[in-house]
């Protein structure tokens, strides 16, 4: 961006989702 010299963008690990269902 204007005036943004040296700008550093954060790294964002997204991870992984596990959806679990338990039934009886």
PDBML (XML) file of the C-alpha atoms, coordinates in Angstrom:
<?xml version="1.0" encoding="UTF-8" ?>
<PDBx:datablock datablockName="MODEL"
   xmlns:PDBx="http://pdbml.pdb.org/schema/pdbx-v50.xsd"
   xmlns:xsi="http://www.w3.org/2001/XMLSchema-instance"
   xsi:schemaLocation="http://pdbml.pdb.org/schema/pdbx-v50.xsd pdbx-v50.xsd">
   <PDBx:atom_siteCategory>
      <PDBx:atom_site id="1">
         <PDBx:B_iso_or_equiv>0.00</PDBx:B_iso_or_equiv>
         <PDBx:Cartn_x>0.000</PDBx:Cartn_x>
         <PDBx:Cartn_y>0.000</PDBx:Cartn_y>
         <PDBx:Cartn_z>0.000</PDBx:Cartn_z>
         <PDBx:auth_asym_id>A</PDBx:auth_asym_id>
         <PDBx:auth_atom_id>CA</PDBx:auth_atom_id>
         <PDBx:auth_comp_id>UNK</PDBx:auth_comp_id>
         <PDBx:auth_seq_id>1</PDBx:auth_seq_id>
         <PDBx:group_PDB>ATOM</PDBx:group_PDB>
         <PDBx:label_alt_id xsi:nil="true" />
         <PDBx:label_asym_id>A</PDBx:label_asym_id>
         <PDBx:label_atom_id>CA</PDBx:label_atom_id>
         <PDBx:label_comp_id>UNK</PDBx:label_comp_id>
         <PDBx:label_entity_id>1</PDBx:label_entity_id>
         <PDBx:label_seq_id>1</PDBx:label_seq_id>
         <PDBx:occupancy>1.00</PDBx:occupancy>
         <PDBx:pdbx_PDB_model_num>1</PDBx:pdbx_PDB_model_num>
         <PDBx:type_symbol>C</PDBx:type_symbol>
      </PDBx:atom_site>
      <PDBx:atom_site id="2">
         <PDBx:B_iso_or_equiv>0.00</PDBx:B_iso_or_equiv>
         <PDBx:Cartn_x>1.047</PDBx:Cartn_x>
         <PDBx:Cartn_y>3.616</PDBx:Cartn_y>
         <PDBx:Cartn_z>-0.314</PDBx:Cartn_z>
         <PDBx:auth_asym_id>A</PDBx:auth_asym_id>
         <PDBx:auth_atom_id>CA</PDBx:auth_atom_id>
         <PDBx:auth_comp_id>UNK</PDBx:auth_comp_id>
         <PDBx:auth_seq_id>2</PDBx:auth_seq_id>
         <PDBx:group_PDB>ATOM</PDBx:group_PDB>
         <PDBx:label_alt_id xsi:nil="true" />
         <PDBx:label_asym_id>A</PDBx:label_asym_id>
         <PDBx:label_atom_id>CA</PDBx:label_atom_id>
         <PDBx:label_comp_id>UNK</PDBx:label_comp_id>
         <PDBx:label_entity_id>1</PDBx:label_entity_id>
         <PDBx:label_seq_id>2</PDBx:label_seq_id>
         <PDBx:occupancy>1.00</PDBx:occupancy>
         <PDBx:pdbx_PDB_model_num>1</PDBx:pdbx_PDB_model_num>
         <PDBx:type_symbol>C</PDBx:type_symbol>
      </PDBx:atom_site>
      <PDBx:atom_site id="3">
         <PDBx:B_iso_or_equiv>0.00</PDBx:B_iso_or_equiv>
         <PDBx:Cartn_x>3.544</PDBx:Cartn_x>
         <PDBx:Cartn_y>4.307</PDBx:Cartn_y>
         <PDBx:Cartn_z>2.433</PDBx:Cartn_z>
         <PDBx:auth_asym_id>A</PDBx:auth_asym_id>
         <PDBx:auth_atom_id>CA</PDBx:auth_atom_id>
         <PDBx:auth_comp_id>UNK</PDBx:auth_comp_id>
         <PDBx:auth_seq_id>3</PDBx:auth_seq_id>
         <PDBx:group_PDB>ATOM</PDBx:group_PDB>
         <PDBx:label_alt_id xsi:nil="true" />
         <PDBx:label_asym_id>A</PDBx:label_asym_id>
         <PDBx:label_atom_id>CA</PDBx:label_atom_id>
         <PDBx:label_comp_id>UNK</PDBx:label_comp_id>
         <PDBx:label_entity_id>1</PDBx:label_entity_id>
         <PDBx:label_seq_id>3</PDBx:label_seq_id>
         <PDBx:occupancy>1.00</PDBx:occupancy>
         <PDBx:pdbx_PDB_model_num>1</PDBx:pdbx_PDB_model_num>
         <PDBx:type_symbol>C</PDBx:type_symbol>
      </PDBx:atom_site>
      <PDBx:atom_site id="4">
         <PDBx:B_iso_or_equiv>0.00</PDBx:B_iso_or_equiv>
         <PDBx:Cartn_x>3.685</PDBx:Cartn_x>
         <PDBx:Cartn_y>0.595</PDBx:Cartn_y>
         <PDBx:Cartn_z>3.223</PDBx:Cartn_z>
         <PDBx:auth_asym_id>A</PDBx:auth_asym_id>
         <PDBx:auth_atom_id>CA</PDBx:auth_atom_id>
         <PDBx:auth_comp_id>UNK</PDBx:auth_comp_id>
         <PDBx:auth_seq_id>4</PDBx:auth_seq_id>
         <PDBx:group_PDB>ATOM</PDBx:group_PDB>
         <PDBx:label_alt_id xsi:nil="true" />
         <PDBx:label_asym_id>A</PDBx:label_asym_id>
         <PDBx:label_atom_id>CA</PDBx:label_atom_id>
         <PDBx:label_comp_id>UNK</PDBx:label_comp_id>
         <PDBx:label_entity_id>1</PDBx:label_entity_id>
         <PDBx:label_seq_id>4</PDBx:label_seq_id>
         <PDBx:occupancy>1.00</PDBx:occupancy>
         <PDBx:pdbx_PDB_model_num>1</PDBx:pdbx_PDB_model_num>
         <PDBx:type_symbol>C</PDBx:type_symbol>
      </PDBx:atom_site>
      <PDBx:atom_site id="5">
         <PDBx:B_iso_or_equiv>0.00</PDBx:B_iso_or_equiv>
         <PDBx:Cartn_x>7.296</PDBx:Cartn_x>
         <PDBx:Cartn_y>-0.054</PDBx:Cartn_y>
         <PDBx:Cartn_z>2.266</PDBx:Cartn_z>
         <PDBx:auth_asym_id>A</PDBx:auth_asym_id>
         <PDBx:auth_atom_id>CA</PDBx:auth_atom_id>
         <PDBx:auth_comp_id>UNK</PDBx:auth_comp_id>
         <PDBx:auth_seq_id>5</PDBx:auth_seq_id>
         <PDBx:group_PDB>ATOM</PDBx:group_PDB>
         <PDBx:label_alt_id xsi:nil="true" />
         <PDBx:label_asym_id>A</PDBx:label_asym_id>
         <PDBx:label_atom_id>CA</PDBx:label_atom_id>
         <PDBx:label_comp_id>UNK</PDBx:label_comp_id>
         <PDBx:label_entity_id>1</PDBx:label_entity_id>
         <PDBx:label_seq_id>5</PDBx:label_seq_id>
         <PDBx:occupancy>1.00</PDBx:occupancy>
         <PDBx:pdbx_PDB_model_num>1</PDBx:pdbx_PDB_model_num>
         <PDBx:type_symbol>C</PDBx:type_symbol>
      </PDBx:atom_site>
      <PDBx:atom_site id="6">
         <PDBx:B_iso_or_equiv>0.00</PDBx:B_iso_or_equiv>
         <PDBx:Cartn_x>8.679</PDBx:Cartn_x>
         <PDBx:Cartn_y>-2.966</PDBx:Cartn_y>
         <PDBx:Cartn_z>4.242</PDBx:Cartn_z>
         <PDBx:auth_asym_id>A</PDBx:auth_asym_id>
         <PDBx:auth_atom_id>CA</PDBx:auth_atom_id>
         <PDBx:auth_comp_id>UNK</PDBx:auth_comp_id>
         <PDBx:auth_seq_id>6</PDBx:auth_seq_id>
         <PDBx:group_PDB>ATOM</PDBx:group_PDB>
         <PDBx:label_alt_id xsi:nil="true" />
         <PDBx:label_asym_id>A</PDBx:label_asym_id>
         <PDBx:label_atom_id>CA</PDBx:label_atom_id>
         <PDBx:label_comp_id>UNK</PDBx:label_comp_id>
         <PDBx:label_entity_id>1</PDBx:label_entity_id>
         <PDBx:label_seq_id>6</PDBx:label_seq_id>
         <PDBx:occupancy>1.00</PDBx:occupancy>
         <PDBx:pdbx_PDB_model_num>1</PDBx:pdbx_PDB_model_num>
         <PDBx:type_symbol>C</PDBx:type_symbol>
      </PDBx:atom_site>
      <PDBx:atom_site id="7">
         <PDBx:B_iso_or_equiv>0.00</PDBx:B_iso_or_equiv>
         <PDBx:Cartn_x>5.190</PDBx:Cartn_x>
         <PDBx:Cartn_y>-4.267</PDBx:Cartn_y>
         <PDBx:Cartn_z>4.923</PDBx:Cartn_z>
         <PDBx:auth_asym_id>A</PDBx:auth_asym_id>
         <PDBx:auth_atom_id>CA</PDBx:auth_atom_id>
         <PDBx:auth_comp_id>UNK</PDBx:auth_comp_id>
         <PDBx:auth_seq_id>7</PDBx:auth_seq_id>
         <PDBx:group_PDB>ATOM</PDBx:group_PDB>
         <PDBx:label_alt_id xsi:nil="true" />
         <PDBx:label_asym_id>A</PDBx:label_asym_id>
         <PDBx:label_atom_id>CA</PDBx:label_atom_id>
         <PDBx:label_comp_id>UNK</PDBx:label_comp_id>
         <PDBx:label_entity_id>1</PDBx:label_entity_id>
         <PDBx:label_seq_id>7</PDBx:label_seq_id>
         <PDBx:occupancy>1.00</PDBx:occupancy>
         <PDBx:pdbx_PDB_model_num>1</PDBx:pdbx_PDB_model_num>
         <PDBx:type_symbol>C</PDBx:type_symbol>
      </PDBx:atom_site>
      <PDBx:atom_site id="8">
         <PDBx:B_iso_or_equiv>0.00</PDBx:B_iso_or_equiv>
         <PDBx:Cartn_x>5.149</PDBx:Cartn_x>
         <PDBx:Cartn_y>-7.709</PDBx:Cartn_y>
         <PDBx:Cartn_z>6.517</PDBx:Cartn_z>
         <PDBx:auth_asym_id>A</PDBx:auth_asym_id>
         <PDBx:auth_atom_id>CA</PDBx:auth_atom_id>
         <PDBx:auth_comp_id>UNK</PDBx:auth_comp_id>
         <PDBx:auth_seq_id>8</PDBx:auth_seq_id>
         <PDBx:group_PDB>ATOM</PDBx:group_PDB>
         <PDBx:label_alt_id xsi:nil="true" />
         <PDBx:label_asym_id>A</PDBx:label_asym_id>
         <PDBx:label_atom_id>CA</PDBx:label_atom_id>
         <PDBx:label_comp_id>UNK</PDBx:label_comp_id>
         <PDBx:label_entity_id>1</PDBx:label_entity_id>
         <PDBx:label_seq_id>8</PDBx:label_seq_id>
         <PDBx:occupancy>1.00</PDBx:occupancy>
         <PDBx:pdbx_PDB_model_num>1</PDBx:pdbx_PDB_model_num>
         <PDBx:type_symbol>C</PDBx:type_symbol>
      </PDBx:atom_site>
      <PDBx:atom_site id="9">
         <PDBx:B_iso_or_equiv>0.00</PDBx:B_iso_or_equiv>
         <PDBx:Cartn_x>2.088</PDBx:Cartn_x>
         <PDBx:Cartn_y>-9.947</PDBx:Cartn_y>
         <PDBx:Cartn_z>6.110</PDBx:Cartn_z>
         <PDBx:auth_asym_id>A</PDBx:auth_asym_id>
         <PDBx:auth_atom_id>CA</PDBx:auth_atom_id>
         <PDBx:auth_comp_id>UNK</PDBx:auth_comp_id>
         <PDBx:auth_seq_id>9</PDBx:auth_seq_id>
         <PDBx:group_PDB>ATOM</PDBx:group_PDB>
         <PDBx:label_alt_id xsi:nil="true" />
         <PDBx:label_asym_id>A</PDBx:label_asym_id>
         <PDBx:label_atom_id>CA</PDBx:label_atom_id>
         <PDBx:label_comp_id>UNK</PDBx:label_comp_id>
         <PDBx:label_entity_id>1</PDBx:label_entity_id>
         <PDBx:label_seq_id>9</PDBx:label_seq_id>
         <PDBx:occupancy>1.00</PDBx:occupancy>
         <PDBx:pdbx_PDB_model_num>1</PDBx:pdbx_PDB_model_num>
         <PDBx:type_symbol>C</PDBx:type_symbol>
      </PDBx:atom_site>
      <PDBx:atom_site id="10">
         <PDBx:B_iso_or_equiv>0.00</PDBx:B_iso_or_equiv>
         <PDBx:Cartn_x>1.533</PDBx:Cartn_x>
         <PDBx:Cartn_y>-12.445</PDBx:Cartn_y>
         <PDBx:Cartn_z>8.929</PDBx:Cartn_z>
         <PDBx:auth_asym_id>A</PDBx:auth_asym_id>
         <PDBx:auth_atom_id>CA</PDBx:auth_atom_id>
         <PDBx:auth_comp_id>UNK</PDBx:auth_comp_id>
         <PDBx:auth_seq_id>10</PDBx:auth_seq_id>
         <PDBx:group_PDB>ATOM</PDBx:group_PDB>
         <PDBx:label_alt_id xsi:nil="true" />
         <PDBx:label_asym_id>A</PDBx:label_asym_id>
         <PDBx:label_atom_id>CA</PDBx:label_atom_id>
         <PDBx:label_comp_id>UNK</PDBx:label_comp_id>
         <PDBx:label_entity_id>1</PDBx:label_entity_id>
         <PDBx:label_seq_id>10</PDBx:label_seq_id>
         <PDBx:occupancy>1.00</PDBx:occupancy>
         <PDBx:pdbx_PDB_model_num>1</PDBx:pdbx_PDB_model_num>
         <PDBx:type_symbol>C</PDBx:type_symbol>
      </PDBx:atom_site>
      <PDBx:atom_site id="11">
         <PDBx:B_iso_or_equiv>0.00</PDBx:B_iso_or_equiv>
         <PDBx:Cartn_x>1.638</PDBx:Cartn_x>
         <PDBx:Cartn_y>-16.150</PDBx:Cartn_y>
         <PDBx:Cartn_z>8.145</PDBx:Cartn_z>
         <PDBx:auth_asym_id>A</PDBx:auth_asym_id>
         <PDBx:auth_atom_id>CA</PDBx:auth_atom_id>
         <PDBx:auth_comp_id>UNK</PDBx:auth_comp_id>
         <PDBx:auth_seq_id>11</PDBx:auth_seq_id>
         <PDBx:group_PDB>ATOM</PDBx:group_PDB>
         <PDBx:label_alt_id xsi:nil="true" />
         <PDBx:label_asym_id>A</PDBx:label_asym_id>
         <PDBx:label_atom_id>CA</PDBx:label_atom_id>
         <PDBx:label_comp_id>UNK</PDBx:label_comp_id>
         <PDBx:label_entity_id>1</PDBx:label_entity_id>
         <PDBx:label_seq_id>11</PDBx:label_seq_id>
         <PDBx:occupancy>1.00</PDBx:occupancy>
         <PDBx:pdbx_PDB_model_num>1</PDBx:pdbx_PDB_model_num>
         <PDBx:type_symbol>C</PDBx:type_symbol>
      </PDBx:atom_site>
      <PDBx:atom_site id="12">
         <PDBx:B_iso_or_equiv>0.00</PDBx:B_iso_or_equiv>
         <PDBx:Cartn_x>-1.523</PDBx:Cartn_x>
         <PDBx:Cartn_y>-17.889</PDBx:Cartn_y>
         <PDBx:Cartn_z>9.360</PDBx:Cartn_z>
         <PDBx:auth_asym_id>A</PDBx:auth_asym_id>
         <PDBx:auth_atom_id>CA</PDBx:auth_atom_id>
         <PDBx:auth_comp_id>UNK</PDBx:auth_comp_id>
         <PDBx:auth_seq_id>12</PDBx:auth_seq_id>
         <PDBx:group_PDB>ATOM</PDBx:group_PDB>
         <PDBx:label_alt_id xsi:nil="true" />
         <PDBx:label_asym_id>A</PDBx:label_asym_id>
         <PDBx:label_atom_id>CA</PDBx:label_atom_id>
         <PDBx:label_comp_id>UNK</PDBx:label_comp_id>
         <PDBx:label_entity_id>1</PDBx:label_entity_id>
         <PDBx:label_seq_id>12</PDBx:label_seq_id>
         <PDBx:occupancy>1.00</PDBx:occupancy>
         <PDBx:pdbx_PDB_model_num>1</PDBx:pdbx_PDB_model_num>
         <PDBx:type_symbol>C</PDBx:type_symbol>
      </PDBx:atom_site>
      <PDBx:atom_site id="13">
         <PDBx:B_iso_or_equiv>0.00</PDBx:B_iso_or_equiv>
         <PDBx:Cartn_x>-1.466</PDBx:Cartn_x>
         <PDBx:Cartn_y>-21.696</PDBx:Cartn_y>
         <PDBx:Cartn_z>9.645</PDBx:Cartn_z>
         <PDBx:auth_asym_id>A</PDBx:auth_asym_id>
         <PDBx:auth_atom_id>CA</PDBx:auth_atom_id>
         <PDBx:auth_comp_id>UNK</PDBx:auth_comp_id>
         <PDBx:auth_seq_id>13</PDBx:auth_seq_id>
         <PDBx:group_PDB>ATOM</PDBx:group_PDB>
         <PDBx:label_alt_id xsi:nil="true" />
         <PDBx:label_asym_id>A</PDBx:label_asym_id>
         <PDBx:label_atom_id>CA</PDBx:label_atom_id>
         <PDBx:label_comp_id>UNK</PDBx:label_comp_id>
         <PDBx:label_entity_id>1</PDBx:label_entity_id>
         <PDBx:label_seq_id>13</PDBx:label_seq_id>
         <PDBx:occupancy>1.00</PDBx:occupancy>
         <PDBx:pdbx_PDB_model_num>1</PDBx:pdbx_PDB_model_num>
         <PDBx:type_symbol>C</PDBx:type_symbol>
      </PDBx:atom_site>
      <PDBx:atom_site id="14">
         <PDBx:B_iso_or_equiv>0.00</PDBx:B_iso_or_equiv>
         <PDBx:Cartn_x>-5.010</PDBx:Cartn_x>
         <PDBx:Cartn_y>-22.828</PDBx:Cartn_y>
         <PDBx:Cartn_z>8.854</PDBx:Cartn_z>
         <PDBx:auth_asym_id>A</PDBx:auth_asym_id>
         <PDBx:auth_atom_id>CA</PDBx:auth_atom_id>
         <PDBx:auth_comp_id>UNK</PDBx:auth_comp_id>
         <PDBx:auth_seq_id>14</PDBx:auth_seq_id>
         <PDBx:group_PDB>ATOM</PDBx:group_PDB>
         <PDBx:label_alt_id xsi:nil="true" />
         <PDBx:label_asym_id>A</PDBx:label_asym_id>
         <PDBx:label_atom_id>CA</PDBx:label_atom_id>
         <PDBx:label_comp_id>UNK</PDBx:label_comp_id>
         <PDBx:label_entity_id>1</PDBx:label_entity_id>
         <PDBx:label_seq_id>14</PDBx:label_seq_id>
         <PDBx:occupancy>1.00</PDBx:occupancy>
         <PDBx:pdbx_PDB_model_num>1</PDBx:pdbx_PDB_model_num>
         <PDBx:type_symbol>C</PDBx:type_symbol>
      </PDBx:atom_site>
      <PDBx:atom_site id="15">
         <PDBx:B_iso_or_equiv>0.00</PDBx:B_iso_or_equiv>
         <PDBx:Cartn_x>-4.805</PDBx:Cartn_x>
         <PDBx:Cartn_y>-26.204</PDBx:Cartn_y>
         <PDBx:Cartn_z>10.548</PDBx:Cartn_z>
         <PDBx:auth_asym_id>A</PDBx:auth_asym_id>
         <PDBx:auth_atom_id>CA</PDBx:auth_atom_id>
         <PDBx:auth_comp_id>UNK</PDBx:auth_comp_id>
         <PDBx:auth_seq_id>15</PDBx:auth_seq_id>
         <PDBx:group_PDB>ATOM</PDBx:group_PDB>
         <PDBx:label_alt_id xsi:nil="true" />
         <PDBx:label_asym_id>A</PDBx:label_asym_id>
         <PDBx:label_atom_id>CA</PDBx:label_atom_id>
         <PDBx:label_comp_id>UNK</PDBx:label_comp_id>
         <PDBx:label_entity_id>1</PDBx:label_entity_id>
         <PDBx:label_seq_id>15</PDBx:label_seq_id>
         <PDBx:occupancy>1.00</PDBx:occupancy>
         <PDBx:pdbx_PDB_model_num>1</PDBx:pdbx_PDB_model_num>
         <PDBx:type_symbol>C</PDBx:type_symbol>
      </PDBx:atom_site>
      <PDBx:atom_site id="16">
         <PDBx:B_iso_or_equiv>0.00</PDBx:B_iso_or_equiv>
         <PDBx:Cartn_x>-7.114</PDBx:Cartn_x>
         <PDBx:Cartn_y>-29.105</PDBx:Cartn_y>
         <PDBx:Cartn_z>9.805</PDBx:Cartn_z>
         <PDBx:auth_asym_id>A</PDBx:auth_asym_id>
         <PDBx:auth_atom_id>CA</PDBx:auth_atom_id>
         <PDBx:auth_comp_id>UNK</PDBx:auth_comp_id>
         <PDBx:auth_seq_id>16</PDBx:auth_seq_id>
         <PDBx:group_PDB>ATOM</PDBx:group_PDB>
         <PDBx:label_alt_id xsi:nil="true" />
         <PDBx:label_asym_id>A</PDBx:label_asym_id>
         <PDBx:label_atom_id>CA</PDBx:label_atom_id>
         <PDBx:label_comp_id>UNK</PDBx:label_comp_id>
         <PDBx:label_entity_id>1</PDBx:label_entity_id>
         <PDBx:label_seq_id>16</PDBx:label_seq_id>
         <PDBx:occupancy>1.00</PDBx:occupancy>
         <PDBx:pdbx_PDB_model_num>1</PDBx:pdbx_PDB_model_num>
         <PDBx:type_symbol>C</PDBx:type_symbol>
      </PDBx:atom_site>
      <PDBx:atom_site id="17">
         <PDBx:B_iso_or_equiv>0.00</PDBx:B_iso_or_equiv>
         <PDBx:Cartn_x>-10.631</PDBx:Cartn_x>
         <PDBx:Cartn_y>-29.776</PDBx:Cartn_y>
         <PDBx:Cartn_z>11.112</PDBx:Cartn_z>
         <PDBx:auth_asym_id>A</PDBx:auth_asym_id>
         <PDBx:auth_atom_id>CA</PDBx:auth_atom_id>
         <PDBx:auth_comp_id>UNK</PDBx:auth_comp_id>
         <PDBx:auth_seq_id>17</PDBx:auth_seq_id>
         <PDBx:group_PDB>ATOM</PDBx:group_PDB>
         <PDBx:label_alt_id xsi:nil="true" />
         <PDBx:label_asym_id>A</PDBx:label_asym_id>
         <PDBx:label_atom_id>CA</PDBx:label_atom_id>
         <PDBx:label_comp_id>UNK</PDBx:label_comp_id>
         <PDBx:label_entity_id>1</PDBx:label_entity_id>
         <PDBx:label_seq_id>17</PDBx:label_seq_id>
         <PDBx:occupancy>1.00</PDBx:occupancy>
         <PDBx:pdbx_PDB_model_num>1</PDBx:pdbx_PDB_model_num>
         <PDBx:type_symbol>C</PDBx:type_symbol>
      </PDBx:atom_site>
      <PDBx:atom_site id="18">
         <PDBx:B_iso_or_equiv>0.00</PDBx:B_iso_or_equiv>
         <PDBx:Cartn_x>-11.927</PDBx:Cartn_x>
         <PDBx:Cartn_y>-33.162</PDBx:Cartn_y>
         <PDBx:Cartn_z>12.221</PDBx:Cartn_z>
         <PDBx:auth_asym_id>A</PDBx:auth_asym_id>
         <PDBx:auth_atom_id>CA</PDBx:auth_atom_id>
         <PDBx:auth_comp_id>UNK</PDBx:auth_comp_id>
         <PDBx:auth_seq_id>18</PDBx:auth_seq_id>
         <PDBx:group_PDB>ATOM</PDBx:group_PDB>
         <PDBx:label_alt_id xsi:nil="true" />
         <PDBx:label_asym_id>A</PDBx:label_asym_id>
         <PDBx:label_atom_id>CA</PDBx:label_atom_id>
         <PDBx:label_comp_id>UNK</PDBx:label_comp_id>
         <PDBx:label_entity_id>1</PDBx:label_entity_id>
         <PDBx:label_seq_id>18</PDBx:label_seq_id>
         <PDBx:occupancy>1.00</PDBx:occupancy>
         <PDBx:pdbx_PDB_model_num>1</PDBx:pdbx_PDB_model_num>
         <PDBx:type_symbol>C</PDBx:type_symbol>
      </PDBx:atom_site>
      <PDBx:atom_site id="19">
         <PDBx:B_iso_or_equiv>0.00</PDBx:B_iso_or_equiv>
         <PDBx:Cartn_x>-15.696</PDBx:Cartn_x>
         <PDBx:Cartn_y>-33.522</PDBx:Cartn_y>
         <PDBx:Cartn_z>12.565</PDBx:Cartn_z>
         <PDBx:auth_asym_id>A</PDBx:auth_asym_id>
         <PDBx:auth_atom_id>CA</PDBx:auth_atom_id>
         <PDBx:auth_comp_id>UNK</PDBx:auth_comp_id>
         <PDBx:auth_seq_id>19</PDBx:auth_seq_id>
         <PDBx:group_PDB>ATOM</PDBx:group_PDB>
         <PDBx:label_alt_id xsi:nil="true" />
         <PDBx:label_asym_id>A</PDBx:label_asym_id>
         <PDBx:label_atom_id>CA</PDBx:label_atom_id>
         <PDBx:label_comp_id>UNK</PDBx:label_comp_id>
         <PDBx:label_entity_id>1</PDBx:label_entity_id>
         <PDBx:label_seq_id>19</PDBx:label_seq_id>
         <PDBx:occupancy>1.00</PDBx:occupancy>
         <PDBx:pdbx_PDB_model_num>1</PDBx:pdbx_PDB_model_num>
         <PDBx:type_symbol>C</PDBx:type_symbol>
      </PDBx:atom_site>
      <PDBx:atom_site id="20">
         <PDBx:B_iso_or_equiv>0.00</PDBx:B_iso_or_equiv>
         <PDBx:Cartn_x>-16.702</PDBx:Cartn_x>
         <PDBx:Cartn_y>-36.338</PDBx:Cartn_y>
         <PDBx:Cartn_z>14.912</PDBx:Cartn_z>
         <PDBx:auth_asym_id>A</PDBx:auth_asym_id>
         <PDBx:auth_atom_id>CA</PDBx:auth_atom_id>
         <PDBx:auth_comp_id>UNK</PDBx:auth_comp_id>
         <PDBx:auth_seq_id>20</PDBx:auth_seq_id>
         <PDBx:group_PDB>ATOM</PDBx:group_PDB>
         <PDBx:label_alt_id xsi:nil="true" />
         <PDBx:label_asym_id>A</PDBx:label_asym_id>
         <PDBx:label_atom_id>CA</PDBx:label_atom_id>
         <PDBx:label_comp_id>UNK</PDBx:label_comp_id>
         <PDBx:label_entity_id>1</PDBx:label_entity_id>
         <PDBx:label_seq_id>20</PDBx:label_seq_id>
         <PDBx:occupancy>1.00</PDBx:occupancy>
         <PDBx:pdbx_PDB_model_num>1</PDBx:pdbx_PDB_model_num>
         <PDBx:type_symbol>C</PDBx:type_symbol>
      </PDBx:atom_site>
      <PDBx:atom_site id="21">
         <PDBx:B_iso_or_equiv>0.00</PDBx:B_iso_or_equiv>
         <PDBx:Cartn_x>-20.105</PDBx:Cartn_x>
         <PDBx:Cartn_y>-37.964</PDBx:Cartn_y>
         <PDBx:Cartn_z>15.395</PDBx:Cartn_z>
         <PDBx:auth_asym_id>A</PDBx:auth_asym_id>
         <PDBx:auth_atom_id>CA</PDBx:auth_atom_id>
         <PDBx:auth_comp_id>UNK</PDBx:auth_comp_id>
         <PDBx:auth_seq_id>21</PDBx:auth_seq_id>
         <PDBx:group_PDB>ATOM</PDBx:group_PDB>
         <PDBx:label_alt_id xsi:nil="true" />
         <PDBx:label_asym_id>A</PDBx:label_asym_id>
         <PDBx:label_atom_id>CA</PDBx:label_atom_id>
         <PDBx:label_comp_id>UNK</PDBx:label_comp_id>
         <PDBx:label_entity_id>1</PDBx:label_entity_id>
         <PDBx:label_seq_id>21</PDBx:label_seq_id>
         <PDBx:occupancy>1.00</PDBx:occupancy>
         <PDBx:pdbx_PDB_model_num>1</PDBx:pdbx_PDB_model_num>
         <PDBx:type_symbol>C</PDBx:type_symbol>
      </PDBx:atom_site>
      <PDBx:atom_site id="22">
         <PDBx:B_iso_or_equiv>0.00</PDBx:B_iso_or_equiv>
         <PDBx:Cartn_x>-20.983</PDBx:Cartn_x>
         <PDBx:Cartn_y>-40.416</PDBx:Cartn_y>
         <PDBx:Cartn_z>18.180</PDBx:Cartn_z>
         <PDBx:auth_asym_id>A</PDBx:auth_asym_id>
         <PDBx:auth_atom_id>CA</PDBx:auth_atom_id>
         <PDBx:auth_comp_id>UNK</PDBx:auth_comp_id>
         <PDBx:auth_seq_id>22</PDBx:auth_seq_id>
         <PDBx:group_PDB>ATOM</PDBx:group_PDB>
         <PDBx:label_alt_id xsi:nil="true" />
         <PDBx:label_asym_id>A</PDBx:label_asym_id>
         <PDBx:label_atom_id>CA</PDBx:label_atom_id>
         <PDBx:label_comp_id>UNK</PDBx:label_comp_id>
         <PDBx:label_entity_id>1</PDBx:label_entity_id>
         <PDBx:label_seq_id>22</PDBx:label_seq_id>
         <PDBx:occupancy>1.00</PDBx:occupancy>
         <PDBx:pdbx_PDB_model_num>1</PDBx:pdbx_PDB_model_num>
         <PDBx:type_symbol>C</PDBx:type_symbol>
      </PDBx:atom_site>
      <PDBx:atom_site id="23">
         <PDBx:B_iso_or_equiv>0.00</PDBx:B_iso_or_equiv>
         <PDBx:Cartn_x>-24.172</PDBx:Cartn_x>
         <PDBx:Cartn_y>-42.491</PDBx:Cartn_y>
         <PDBx:Cartn_z>17.993</PDBx:Cartn_z>
         <PDBx:auth_asym_id>A</PDBx:auth_asym_id>
         <PDBx:auth_atom_id>CA</PDBx:auth_atom_id>
         <PDBx:auth_comp_id>UNK</PDBx:auth_comp_id>
         <PDBx:auth_seq_id>23</PDBx:auth_seq_id>
         <PDBx:group_PDB>ATOM</PDBx:group_PDB>
         <PDBx:label_alt_id xsi:nil="true" />
         <PDBx:label_asym_id>A</PDBx:label_asym_id>
         <PDBx:label_atom_id>CA</PDBx:label_atom_id>
         <PDBx:label_comp_id>UNK</PDBx:label_comp_id>
         <PDBx:label_entity_id>1</PDBx:label_entity_id>
         <PDBx:label_seq_id>23</PDBx:label_seq_id>
         <PDBx:occupancy>1.00</PDBx:occupancy>
         <PDBx:pdbx_PDB_model_num>1</PDBx:pdbx_PDB_model_num>
         <PDBx:type_symbol>C</PDBx:type_symbol>
      </PDBx:atom_site>
      <PDBx:atom_site id="24">
         <PDBx:B_iso_or_equiv>0.00</PDBx:B_iso_or_equiv>
         <PDBx:Cartn_x>-25.889</PDBx:Cartn_x>
         <PDBx:Cartn_y>-44.985</PDBx:Cartn_y>
         <PDBx:Cartn_z>20.280</PDBx:Cartn_z>
         <PDBx:auth_asym_id>A</PDBx:auth_asym_id>
         <PDBx:auth_atom_id>CA</PDBx:auth_atom_id>
         <PDBx:auth_comp_id>UNK</PDBx:auth_comp_id>
         <PDBx:auth_seq_id>24</PDBx:auth_seq_id>
         <PDBx:group_PDB>ATOM</PDBx:group_PDB>
         <PDBx:label_alt_id xsi:nil="true" />
         <PDBx:label_asym_id>A</PDBx:label_asym_id>
         <PDBx:label_atom_id>CA</PDBx:label_atom_id>
         <PDBx:label_comp_id>UNK</PDBx:label_comp_id>
         <PDBx:label_entity_id>1</PDBx:label_entity_id>
         <PDBx:label_seq_id>24</PDBx:label_seq_id>
         <PDBx:occupancy>1.00</PDBx:occupancy>
         <PDBx:pdbx_PDB_model_num>1</PDBx:pdbx_PDB_model_num>
         <PDBx:type_symbol>C</PDBx:type_symbol>
      </PDBx:atom_site>
   </PDBx:atom_siteCategory>
</PDBx:datablock>
